[in-house]
Amino acid sequence: MSRLGPPLPLLLLGALGALSPPRAAGQEPPPSPPPSPRPNATRPVFPVFPCGGDHRGESGFIASEGFPRHYPPGSNCTWTITVPEGQVATLSFRVFDLEPDPRCRFDALSVFGGHGPAAPLLGRFCGTFRPGALRAPQNRLRLTMESDGATAGRGFLAWFSAGSPPSHGPPQGRRRSGVFNKPQFF
């Protein structure tokens, strides 16, 4: 053996129990330790998502209260998202299930392109169709979810991330103006 200890194969054999003393003929092996108790071994453990919160960082998940279980009735939750300065915040929905209504009068999620009261509304959503990806004009987003006292769904699960701001085109939040011409095929 060297001054640094036994060669690596001997260490591995020792760790696997191959270097333990031999048993006499007919001797029972030592009992193995009892298995450690595993809480909720028959059902998966999900993270607990609270009503609202402040999320900061490059990326992460955000979800309605209690997701993936149904959100509670009569709640009003607000989440804020802040990605690093010089980046823009992007939100991409993975699951979306709120009480449907053509005008989103009962349960709805509103997404704003900033934290303050003057932040532009990027969209108000309900129902079961996943909204497309949303990009804030800056590094902040605010989400507000209201639910009435009746029907509830599973809520939402979304991924936020930081991205590079657009390098060309009109500033975010402004509409392009101009004329659209149809191609003349005939």
Protein backbone atom coordinates (compact mmCIF):
# COMPACT_ATOMS: atom_id res chain seq x y z
CA MET A 1 0.00 0.00 0.00
CA SER A 2 1.12 3.51 -0.67
CA ARG A 3 1.29 6.35 1.80
CA LEU A 4 -1.96 7.67 0.34
CA GLY A 5 -3.99 4.65 1.43
CA PRO A 6 -5.20 1.43 -0.15
CA PRO A 7 -5.55 1.23 -3.91
CA LEU A 8 -8.95 2.24 -5.27
CA PRO A 9 -10.18 -1.32 -6.03
CA LEU A 10 -9.63 -2.30 -2.37
CA LEU A 11 -11.61 0.75 -1.25
CA LEU A 12 -14.48 -0.19 -3.54
CA LEU A 13 -14.45 -3.82 -2.40
CA GLY A 14 -14.44 -2.70 1.22
CA ALA A 15 -17.34 -0.36 0.62
CA LEU A 16 -19.29 -3.20 -0.97
CA GLY A 17 -18.65 -5.51 1.97
CA ALA A 18 -16.32 -7.86 0.11
CA LEU A 19 -13.60 -7.42 2.74
CA SER A 20 -15.79 -8.44 5.69
CA PRO A 21 -14.63 -11.53 7.60
CA PRO A 22 -15.81 -14.85 6.16
CA ARG A 23 -18.72 -16.61 7.86
CA ALA A 24 -18.41 -20.10 9.29
CA ALA A 25 -20.32 -22.86 7.53
CA GLY A 26 -24.01 -22.76 8.48
CA GLN A 27 -23.74 -19.31 10.06
CA GLU A 28 -26.59 -16.94 9.22
CA PRO A 29 -25.71 -13.59 7.71
CA PRO A 30 -26.15 -10.61 10.04
CA PRO A 31 -29.64 -9.13 9.91
CA SER A 32 -30.05 -6.20 7.59
CA PRO A 33 -31.28 -2.96 9.11
CA PRO A 34 -35.04 -2.40 8.91
CA PRO A 35 -36.17 -0.31 5.96
CA SER A 36 -36.49 3.34 6.76
CA PRO A 37 -40.09 4.53 6.98
CA ARG A 38 -41.15 6.46 3.90
CA PRO A 39 -44.00 8.89 4.46
CA ASN A 40 -46.61 8.89 1.72
CA ALA A 41 -44.95 5.90 0.07
CA THR A 42 -48.09 5.09 -1.90
CA ARG A 43 -48.70 8.55 -3.34
CA PRO A 44 -46.34 11.17 -4.73
CA VAL A 45 -45.40 14.24 -2.73
CA PHE A 46 -46.07 17.56 -4.46
CA PRO A 47 -44.69 20.96 -3.53
CA VAL A 48 -47.12 23.24 -1.75
CA PHE A 49 -47.82 26.41 -3.68
CA PRO A 50 -49.06 29.33 -1.55
CA CYS A 51 -51.51 32.09 -2.42
CA GLY A 52 -49.25 34.73 -3.91
CA GLY A 53 -45.60 35.46 -3.33
CA ASP A 54 -42.51 37.25 -4.56
CA HIS A 55 -40.34 35.31 -7.02
CA ARG A 56 -36.84 36.51 -7.94
CA GLY A 57 -34.23 34.88 -10.13
CA GLU A 58 -33.37 33.69 -13.62
CA SER A 59 -36.24 31.19 -13.79
CA GLY A 60 -38.67 29.10 -11.80
CA PHE A 61 -42.13 27.65 -11.47
CA ILE A 62 -45.14 29.53 -10.21
CA ALA A 63 -48.55 27.99 -9.59
CA SER A 64 -51.98 28.68 -8.17
CA GLU A 65 -52.63 27.99 -4.52
CA GLY A 66 -52.61 24.27 -3.74
CA PHE A 67 -51.73 23.17 -7.30
CA PRO A 68 -52.17 20.41 -8.55
CA ARG A 69 -55.24 20.15 -6.33
CA HIS A 70 -58.16 22.50 -6.99
CA TYR A 71 -57.64 26.09 -5.91
CA PRO A 72 -59.82 27.30 -3.03
CA PRO A 73 -62.99 29.34 -3.65
CA GLY A 74 -63.18 33.00 -2.75
CA SER A 75 -59.45 33.73 -2.98
CA ASN A 76 -57.53 36.71 -4.34
CA CYS A 77 -53.81 36.03 -4.83
CA THR A 78 -51.01 38.19 -6.25
CA TRP A 79 -47.59 36.99 -7.37
CA THR A 80 -44.70 39.19 -8.47
CA ILE A 81 -41.82 38.01 -10.64
CA THR A 82 -38.51 39.84 -11.00
CA VAL A 83 -35.73 38.64 -13.30
CA PRO A 84 -32.27 40.31 -13.43
CA GLU A 85 -31.97 43.91 -14.65
CA GLY A 86 -31.38 44.26 -18.39
CA GLN A 87 -33.46 41.14 -19.11
CA VAL A 88 -37.16 40.75 -19.93
CA ALA A 89 -39.46 38.40 -18.03
CA THR A 90 -41.20 35.65 -20.00
CA LEU A 91 -44.07 33.51 -18.76
CA SER A 92 -44.99 30.16 -20.30
CA PHE A 93 -48.01 28.17 -19.08
CA ARG A 94 -47.67 24.40 -18.64
CA VAL A 95 -51.15 23.73 -17.18
CA PHE A 96 -54.19 26.00 -17.20
CA ASP A 97 -57.59 25.07 -15.72
CA LEU A 98 -59.79 27.87 -14.36
CA GLU A 99 -63.57 28.08 -14.36
CA PRO A 100 -64.60 28.87 -17.95
CA ASP A 101 -66.68 31.91 -18.87
CA PRO A 102 -66.59 33.88 -22.16
CA ARG A 103 -65.87 37.11 -20.25
CA CYS A 104 -63.86 35.57 -17.37
CA ARG A 105 -66.34 36.96 -14.81
CA PHE A 106 -65.95 34.28 -12.14
CA ASP A 107 -62.39 32.92 -11.86
CA ALA A 108 -59.60 34.61 -13.80
CA LEU A 109 -55.86 35.19 -13.97
CA SER A 110 -54.66 38.65 -15.00
CA VAL A 111 -51.03 39.13 -16.08
CA PHE A 112 -49.42 42.59 -16.00
CA GLY A 113 -46.13 43.74 -17.53
CA GLY A 114 -44.78 45.24 -14.31
CA HIS A 115 -45.41 45.40 -10.57
CA GLY A 116 -47.16 48.75 -10.17
CA PRO A 117 -50.77 49.80 -10.71
CA ALA A 118 -49.90 51.48 -14.03
CA ALA A 119 -48.37 48.29 -15.48
CA PRO A 120 -49.92 47.29 -18.82
CA LEU A 121 -52.34 44.36 -18.84
CA LEU A 122 -50.80 41.59 -20.97
CA GLY A 123 -53.87 39.38 -20.72
CA ARG A 124 -56.81 38.14 -18.66
CA PHE A 125 -57.38 34.40 -18.86
CA CYS A 126 -59.85 31.72 -17.75
CA GLY A 127 -61.10 28.36 -19.01
CA THR A 128 -58.98 25.41 -20.00
CA PHE A 129 -57.04 26.61 -23.05
CA ARG A 130 -53.41 27.36 -22.23
CA PRO A 131 -52.48 30.95 -23.02
CA GLY A 132 -49.49 31.47 -25.29
CA ALA A 133 -46.16 32.68 -23.92
CA LEU A 134 -46.18 36.23 -22.55
CA ARG A 135 -43.23 38.61 -22.53
CA ALA A 136 -43.06 41.66 -20.29
CA PRO A 137 -41.70 44.95 -21.64
CA GLN A 138 -39.20 44.90 -18.75
CA ASN A 139 -37.85 42.55 -16.07
CA ARG A 140 -41.03 42.37 -13.98
CA LEU A 141 -44.41 40.63 -14.11
CA ARG A 142 -47.40 40.64 -11.79
CA LEU A 143 -50.08 37.94 -11.75
CA THR A 144 -53.41 38.33 -9.98
CA MET A 145 -55.86 35.46 -9.64
CA GLU A 146 -59.39 35.91 -8.35
CA SER A 147 -61.83 33.08 -7.71
CA ASP A 148 -65.50 33.30 -6.80
CA GLY A 149 -67.22 31.15 -4.20
CA ALA A 150 -68.37 28.37 -6.53
CA THR A 151 -66.77 26.10 -9.13
CA ALA A 152 -63.00 25.71 -9.09
CA GLY A 153 -60.45 24.05 -11.35
CA ARG A 154 -56.90 22.81 -10.88
CA GLY A 155 -55.52 26.30 -11.44
CA PHE A 156 -52.33 26.98 -13.33
CA LEU A 157 -48.68 26.03 -13.48
CA ALA A 158 -46.30 28.37 -15.31
CA TRP A 159 -42.58 28.69 -15.92
CA PHE A 160 -40.98 32.14 -15.78
CA SER A 161 -37.59 32.91 -17.24
CA ALA A 162 -35.28 35.78 -18.09
CA GLY A 163 -34.56 36.55 -21.72
CA SER A 164 -32.78 39.08 -23.86
CA PRO A 165 -34.79 42.16 -24.76
CA PRO A 166 -35.81 42.50 -28.41
CA SER A 167 -33.11 44.11 -30.50
CA HIS A 168 -35.38 45.65 -33.15
CA GLY A 169 -38.99 46.54 -33.88
CA PRO A 170 -41.38 48.76 -32.01
CA PRO A 171 -41.17 48.96 -28.22
CA GLN A 172 -43.19 46.32 -26.37
CA GLY A 173 -46.72 47.35 -25.57
CA ARG A 174 -47.13 49.43 -28.73
CA ARG A 175 -48.97 48.24 -31.79
CA ARG A 176 -47.52 48.34 -35.23
CA SER A 177 -49.40 50.46 -37.68
CA GLY A 178 -49.56 50.09 -41.41
CA VAL A 179 -51.41 48.42 -44.22
CA PHE A 180 -51.59 44.69 -44.82
CA ASN A 181 -51.81 43.72 -48.48
CA LYS A 182 -53.09 40.32 -49.55
CA PRO A 183 -50.98 38.58 -52.16
CA GLN A 184 -52.55 38.49 -55.61
CA PHE A 185 -52.49 34.87 -56.72
CA PHE A 186 -54.85 35.23 -59.75
